Protein backbone atom coordinates (compact mmCIF):
# COMPACT_ATOMS: atom_id res chain seq x y z
CA GLN A 1 7.52 -38.70 7.58
CA VAL A 2 11.05 -37.77 6.65
CA GLN A 3 14.03 -40.09 6.49
CA LEU A 4 17.64 -38.90 6.43
CA VAL A 5 20.52 -41.03 5.15
CA GLU A 6 24.08 -39.80 5.65
CA SER A 7 27.19 -40.84 3.77
CA GLY A 8 30.71 -39.68 3.17
CA GLY A 9 32.40 -40.09 6.53
CA GLY A 10 35.75 -41.76 6.94
CA LEU A 11 39.36 -41.21 7.86
CA ALA A 12 41.33 -38.10 6.93
CA GLN A 13 44.65 -36.61 7.91
CA ALA A 14 44.88 -33.27 9.63
CA GLY A 15 44.60 -30.56 7.00
CA GLY A 16 42.64 -32.81 4.69
CA SER A 17 39.05 -32.69 3.47
CA LEU A 18 35.89 -34.75 3.53
CA ARG A 19 32.39 -34.16 2.21
CA LEU A 20 29.33 -35.49 3.97
CA SER A 21 26.03 -35.99 2.20
CA CYS A 22 22.53 -36.26 3.64
CA ALA A 23 19.82 -37.65 1.37
CA VAL A 24 16.31 -36.60 2.37
CA ARG A 25 13.44 -38.96 1.63
CA GLY A 26 9.74 -38.59 2.21
CA ARG A 27 7.87 -35.35 2.92
CA THR A 28 10.64 -33.01 1.80
CA PHE A 29 8.20 -30.12 1.34
CA SER A 30 7.72 -30.06 5.11
CA ILE A 31 11.35 -29.20 5.88
CA TYR A 32 12.29 -25.68 6.94
CA LYS A 33 15.99 -26.13 7.56
CA MET A 34 18.72 -28.78 7.64
CA GLY A 35 21.48 -29.03 10.19
CA TRP A 36 24.64 -30.94 10.96
CA PHE A 37 25.59 -31.87 14.50
CA ARG A 38 28.47 -33.91 15.88
CA GLN A 39 29.11 -35.91 18.99
CA ALA A 40 32.47 -37.10 20.28
CA PRO A 41 32.71 -39.90 22.87
CA GLY A 42 31.74 -38.66 26.32
CA GLN A 43 30.60 -35.30 25.03
CA GLU A 44 27.25 -33.73 24.27
CA ARG A 45 25.94 -33.40 20.76
CA GLU A 46 27.04 -30.04 19.40
CA PHE A 47 25.87 -27.84 16.56
CA VAL A 48 28.07 -27.61 13.48
CA ALA A 49 26.11 -25.88 10.72
CA ALA A 50 22.60 -25.27 9.39
CA ILE A 51 20.95 -24.06 6.19
CA GLU A 52 17.47 -22.81 5.49
CA TYR A 53 15.85 -25.15 2.99
CA THR A 54 14.20 -22.43 0.92
CA GLY A 55 16.24 -19.27 1.26
CA GLY A 56 19.61 -20.93 1.68
CA ARG A 57 20.77 -18.79 4.60
CA THR A 58 23.59 -20.53 6.45
CA TYR A 59 24.72 -20.68 10.07
CA TYR A 60 27.98 -22.03 11.52
CA ALA A 61 29.51 -22.83 14.86
CA ASP A 62 32.54 -20.65 15.57
CA SER A 63 34.75 -23.74 15.71
CA VAL A 64 34.15 -24.58 12.04
CA LYS A 65 33.56 -21.15 10.50
CA GLY A 66 35.84 -20.62 7.53
CA ARG A 67 36.65 -24.33 7.25
CA PHE A 68 33.27 -26.03 6.74
CA THR A 69 30.60 -25.20 4.17
CA ILE A 70 27.00 -26.36 4.28
CA SER A 71 24.93 -26.45 1.11
CA ARG A 72 21.87 -28.15 -0.32
CA ASP A 73 20.62 -29.25 -3.71
CA ASN A 74 16.84 -29.10 -3.54
CA ALA A 75 16.45 -30.86 -6.87
CA LYS A 76 18.32 -33.83 -5.43
CA ASN A 77 16.86 -33.45 -1.94
CA THR A 78 20.37 -33.64 -0.55
CA ALA A 79 22.32 -31.54 1.92
CA TYR A 80 26.10 -31.47 2.06
CA LEU A 81 28.81 -30.57 4.52
CA GLN A 82 32.16 -29.81 2.91
CA MET A 83 34.87 -30.04 5.56
CA ASN A 84 38.29 -28.56 4.78
CA SER A 85 41.38 -28.00 6.91
CA LEU A 86 40.29 -30.79 9.19
CA LYS A 87 41.69 -30.99 12.70
CA PRO A 88 41.92 -33.96 15.10
CA GLU A 89 39.34 -32.23 17.29
CA ASP A 90 36.84 -32.55 14.44
CA THR A 91 36.77 -36.31 15.10
CA ALA A 92 33.20 -37.28 15.99
CA LEU A 93 30.04 -38.99 14.85
CA TYR A 94 28.31 -36.53 12.53
CA TYR A 95 24.52 -36.39 12.33
CA CYS A 96 22.27 -34.81 9.77
CA ALA A 97 19.02 -33.31 11.08
CA ALA A 98 15.89 -31.70 9.66
CA ASP A 99 13.49 -29.19 11.18
CA GLY A 100 9.85 -29.82 10.29
CA ARG A 101 8.34 -27.11 12.51
CA GLY A 102 10.01 -23.92 11.37
CA SER A 103 11.85 -23.22 14.62
CA VAL A 104 13.83 -19.98 14.62
CA VAL A 105 16.54 -21.64 16.68
CA VAL A 106 19.27 -23.33 14.66
CA GLY A 107 21.80 -24.59 17.18
CA THR A 108 19.81 -26.78 19.54
CA PRO A 109 19.19 -30.49 18.88
CA GLY A 110 15.68 -30.23 20.34
CA ASP A 111 14.62 -27.94 17.51
CA TYR A 112 15.10 -30.66 14.92
CA ASP A 113 12.53 -33.36 14.33
CA TYR A 114 14.30 -35.88 12.15
CA TRP A 115 17.77 -37.40 12.45
CA GLY A 116 20.02 -39.58 10.39
CA GLN A 117 21.90 -42.58 11.72
CA GLY A 118 25.23 -40.78 11.90
CA THR A 119 28.48 -41.13 10.00
CA GLN A 120 31.90 -41.35 11.63
CA VAL A 121 34.61 -38.81 10.85
CA THR A 122 38.10 -39.51 12.17
CA VAL A 123 40.97 -37.06 11.70
CA SER A 124 44.49 -38.24 12.44
CA SER A 125 47.31 -35.91 13.41
């Protein structure tokens, strides 16, 4: 089994920055990629970014490209989401996810097997 523990959410002003962390515990060797998703009240969970656990290739939603950076430190079994130039529309509950099956799809929640508990990000204008 794999457990994911997020941290780093909070309150930021528009234009500010936050960094989210996702600590991976358990069978880390079984992970193919890590992803970040977010969900605002009344909206569906949407893809933010993903990174291949071995090769490090990254993927981003158009809405965050150029502002957010996903990375991972395999030695620490931790994935990160650096969020810069934050906007009020970035306000949401952010979830870390892990793919244990090697799906080629990166942007669909159903292609991830493990999920963290979520961390709230609130951006004020």
